[in-house]
C-alpha atoms as a PDB file:
ATOM      1  CA  MET A   1      -0.064  -0.416  -0.350  1.00  0.00           C
ATOM      2  CA  ARG A   2       1.327   3.178  -1.138  1.00  0.00           C
ATOM      3  CA  ARG A   3       1.789   6.120   1.243  1.00  0.00           C
ATOM      4  CA  PRO A   4      -0.399   9.369   0.928  1.00  0.00           C
ATOM      5  CA  TYR A   5       1.335  12.227  -1.226  1.00  0.00           C
ATOM      6  CA  THR A   6       2.674  14.804   1.250  1.00  0.00           C
ATOM      7  CA  VAL A   7       4.576  18.154   0.199  1.00  0.00           C
ATOM      8  CA  ARG A   8       7.164  18.506   2.523  1.00  0.00           C
ATOM      9  CA  SER A   9       8.326  21.980   3.380  1.00  0.00           C
ATOM     10  CA  SER A  10      12.103  23.571   1.631  1.00  0.00           C
ATOM     11  CA  GLN A  11      13.499  23.603   5.238  1.00  0.00           C
ATOM     12  CA  ILE A  12      12.725  19.779   5.668  1.00  0.00           C
ATOM     13  CA  TRP A  13      14.537  19.009   2.090  1.00  0.00           C
ATOM     14  CA  ASP A  14      16.781  21.268   3.279  1.00  0.00           C
ATOM     15  CA  GLN A  15      17.923  19.307   6.411  1.00  0.00           C
ATOM     16  CA  ALA A  16      17.276  16.189   4.211  1.00  0.00           C
ATOM     17  CA  ARG A  17      20.031  17.231   1.649  1.00  0.00           C
ATOM     18  CA  ALA A  18      22.271  18.302   4.129  1.00  0.00           C
ATOM     19  CA  ALA A  19      22.091  15.139   6.028  1.00  0.00           C
ATOM     20  CA  TYR A  20      22.593  13.195   3.009  1.00  0.00           C
ATOM     21  CA  LEU A  21      25.428  15.235   1.643  1.00  0.00           C
ATOM     22  CA  ALA A  22      27.135  14.813   5.075  1.00  0.00           C
ATOM     23  CA  GLY A  23      27.153  10.791   4.111  1.00  0.00           C
ATOM     24  CA  GLU A  24      23.828   9.482   5.867  1.00  0.00           C
ATOM     25  CA  PRO A  25      22.718   6.792   4.329  1.00  0.00           C
ATOM     26  CA  ALA A  26      19.638   7.977   1.855  1.00  0.00           C
ATOM     27  CA  SER A  27      17.313   5.048   3.413  1.00  0.00           C
ATOM     28  CA  ARG A  28      18.104   6.702   6.844  1.00  0.00           C
ATOM     29  CA  VAL A  29      17.729  10.242   5.540  1.00  0.00           C
ATOM     30  CA  CYS A  30      14.008   8.962   4.291  1.00  0.00           C
ATOM     31  CA  GLN A  31      13.248   7.773   7.474  1.00  0.00           C
ATOM     32  CA  ARG A  32      14.319  10.725   9.226  1.00  0.00           C
ATOM     33  CA  PHE A  33      12.765  13.262   7.538  1.00  0.00           C
ATOM     34  CA  ASN A  34       9.215  10.970   6.383  1.00  0.00           C
ATOM     35  CA  LEU A  35      10.404  11.104   2.476  1.00  0.00           C
ATOM     36  CA  GLY A  36      10.072   8.492  -0.170  1.00  0.00           C
ATOM     37  CA  LEU A  37      13.344   7.078  -1.552  1.00  0.00           C
ATOM     38  CA  SER A  38      12.310   7.490  -5.247  1.00  0.00           C
ATOM     39  CA  ALA A  39      10.967  11.190  -3.898  1.00  0.00           C
ATOM     40  CA  LEU A  40      14.926  12.063  -2.884  1.00  0.00           C
ATOM     41  CA  ARG A  41      16.475  10.713  -5.286  1.00  0.00           C
ATOM     42  CA  LYS A  42      14.360  12.085  -8.105  1.00  0.00           C
ATOM     43  CA  ARG A  43      15.453  15.583  -6.252  1.00  0.00           C
ATOM     44  CA  ALA A  44      18.309  15.120  -5.606  1.00  0.00           C
ATOM     45  CA  LYS A  45      18.705  14.129  -9.419  1.00  0.00           C
ATOM     46  CA  ALA A  46      16.882  17.551 -10.325  1.00  0.00           C
ATOM     47  CA  GLU A  47      18.812  19.792  -8.059  1.00  0.00           C
ATOM     48  CA  GLY A  48      22.375  18.449  -8.845  1.00  0.00           C
ATOM     49  CA  TRP A  49      22.925  17.016  -5.112  1.00  0.00           C
ATOM     50  CA  ARG A  50      23.540  13.528  -5.708  1.00  0.00           C
ATOM     51  CA  ARG A  51      26.699  12.177  -4.304  1.00  0.00           C
ATOM     52  CA  GLN A  52      27.889  11.588  -7.757  1.00  0.00           C
ATOM     53  CA  ASP A  53      27.470  14.992  -8.628  1.00  0.00           C
ATOM     54  CA  GLN A  54      29.754  16.811  -6.152  1.00  0.00           C
ATOM     55  CA  PRO A  55      33.175  17.806  -6.967  1.00  0.00           C
ATOM     56  CA  ASP A  56      35.902  15.282  -5.613  1.00  0.00           C
ATOM     57  CA  ASP A  57      37.660  16.606  -2.816  1.00  0.00           C
ATOM     58  CA  SER A  58      41.103  14.765  -3.893  1.00  0.00           C
ATOM     59  CA  PRO A  59      41.578  13.949  -7.300  1.00  0.00           C
ATOM     60  CA  GLY A  60      43.340  10.826  -8.366  1.00  0.00           C
ATOM     61  CA  ARG A  61      41.877   9.140  -5.034  1.00  0.00           C
ATOM     62  CA  ALA A  62      39.138   7.344  -3.955  1.00  0.00           C
ATOM     63  CA  PRO A  63      37.188   8.057  -0.945  1.00  0.00           C
ATOM     64  CA  TYR A  64      38.268   6.128   1.722  1.00  0.00           C
ATOM     65  CA  ASN A  65      36.820   4.884   4.921  1.00  0.00           C
ATOM     66  CA  ARG A  66      38.461   3.393   7.728  1.00  0.00           C
ATOM     67  CA  ARG A  67      35.991   1.265   8.974  1.00  0.00           C
ATOM     68  CA  TRP A  68      36.362  -0.489   5.334  1.00  0.00           C
ATOM     69  CA  GLY A  69      39.972  -1.732   6.252  1.00  0.00           C
ATOM     70  CA  SER A  70      43.222  -1.546   4.418  1.00  0.00           C
ATOM     71  CA  THR A  71      43.320  -4.966   2.651  1.00  0.00           C
ATOM     72  CA  THR A  72      41.903  -6.161  -0.687  1.00  0.00           C
ATOM     73  CA  VAL A  73      40.831  -9.134   1.951  1.00  0.00           C
ATOM     74  CA  GLN A  74      38.782  -6.662   4.681  1.00  0.00           C
ATOM     75  CA  LEU A  75      37.515  -5.043   1.391  1.00  0.00           C
ATOM     76  CA  ILE A  76      35.751  -8.059   0.479  1.00  0.00           C
ATOM     77  CA  GLY A  77      34.293  -8.795   3.416  1.00  0.00           C
ATOM     78  CA  VAL A  78      32.686  -5.119   3.878  1.00  0.00           C
ATOM     79  CA  ALA A  79      31.426  -5.767   0.026  1.00  0.00           C
ATOM     80  CA  ARG A  80      30.298  -8.899   1.072  1.00  0.00           C
ATOM     81  CA  ALA A  81      28.224  -7.745   4.435  1.00  0.00           C
ATOM     82  CA  GLN A  82      26.617  -4.653   1.972  1.00  0.00           C
ATOM     83  CA  ALA A  83      25.386  -7.117  -0.980  1.00  0.00           C
ATOM     84  CA  VAL A  84      23.850  -9.577   2.223  1.00  0.00           C
ATOM     85  CA  ARG A  85      22.316  -6.379   3.438  1.00  0.00           C
ATOM     86  CA  ALA A  86      21.082  -5.371   0.480  1.00  0.00           C
ATOM     87  CA  ILE A  87      19.575  -8.679  -0.613  1.00  0.00           C
ATOM     88  CA  ARG A  88      17.714  -8.490   2.961  1.00  0.00           C
ATOM     89  CA  GLN A  89      16.227  -5.177   2.108  1.00  0.00           C
ATOM     90  CA  GLY A  90      14.894  -6.569  -1.424  1.00  0.00           C
ATOM     91  CA  ARG A  91      17.309  -4.331  -3.642  1.00  0.00           C
ATOM     92  CA  VAL A  92      18.290  -6.422  -6.120  1.00  0.00           C
ATOM     93  CA  SER A  93      20.231  -3.861  -8.279  1.00  0.00           C
ATOM     94  CA  GLU A  94      22.065  -2.646  -5.524  1.00  0.00           C
ATOM     95  CA  ALA A  95      22.917  -6.224  -4.223  1.00  0.00           C
ATOM     96  CA  GLU A  96      24.050  -7.532  -8.319  1.00  0.00           C
ATOM     97  CA  ALA A  97      26.316  -3.823  -8.004  1.00  0.00           C
ATOM     98  CA  TRP A  98      27.987  -5.197  -4.897  1.00  0.00           C
ATOM     99  CA  LEU A  99      28.515  -8.799  -5.974  1.00  0.00           C
ATOM    100  CA  GLN A 100      30.172  -7.461  -9.050  1.00  0.00           C
ATOM    101  CA  GLU A 101      32.545  -5.563  -7.271  1.00  0.00           C
ATOM    102  CA  ILE A 102      33.485  -8.589  -4.768  1.00  0.00           C
ATOM    103  CA  ARG A 103      34.022 -10.345  -7.955  1.00  0.00           C
ATOM    104  CA  ARG A 104      36.376  -7.557  -8.986  1.00  0.00           C
ATOM    105  CA  LEU A 105      37.987  -7.630  -5.721  1.00  0.00           C
ATOM    106  CA  GLU A 106      38.713 -11.221  -5.574  1.00  0.00           C
ATOM    107  CA  GLN A 107      40.394 -10.729  -9.007  1.00  0.00           C
ATOM    108  CA  LEU A 108      42.481  -8.414  -7.530  1.00  0.00           C
ATOM    109  CA  ALA A 109      43.297 -10.276  -4.733  1.00  0.00           C
ATOM    110  CA  LEU A 110      44.414 -13.133  -6.750  1.00  0.00           C
ATOM    111  CA  SER A 111      46.986 -11.262  -9.081  1.00  0.00           C
ATOM    112  CA  ASP A 112      48.296  -9.384  -5.792  1.00  0.00           C
ATOM    113  CA  HIS A 113      48.606 -13.208  -4.081  1.00  0.00           C
ATOM    114  CA  LEU A 114      50.283 -14.248  -7.560  1.00  0.00           C
ATOM    115  CA  GLN A 115      52.495 -11.238  -8.048  1.00  0.00           C
ATOM    116  CA  THR A 116      53.992 -11.487  -4.137  1.00  0.00           C
ATOM    117  CA  ARG A 117      55.009 -15.274  -5.172  1.00  0.00           C
ATOM    118  CA  ARG A 118      56.538 -14.657  -7.946  1.00  0.00           C
ATOM    119  CA  VAL A 119      58.806 -11.921  -6.394  1.00  0.00           C
ATOM    120  CA  ARG A 120      59.937 -14.317  -3.578  1.00  0.00           C
END
């Protein structure tokens, strides 16, 4: 059953935008401000405040989060946890993206392992 359509104030949207750009997950922002996820994504795209629309703070470097770990194996663990979370929440396309990333990281780990063995 769909929620009834409700117009949110510009103040609510400003707060939601600030929370989202500060790194809060879209699903949590929507829960906090009682917004629909598709409405948030549509507005973020239209107004240019999706994370992918933001300038890269450090050219040439990927963003890093300490909780991700520093090894490829740790990153694979994080990606697996994210894939499981997405599957449990019914977000199939997100889960597929995480599974693709896991495969890429596994290839990277294998390549690193083989290079290390050759050096020895």
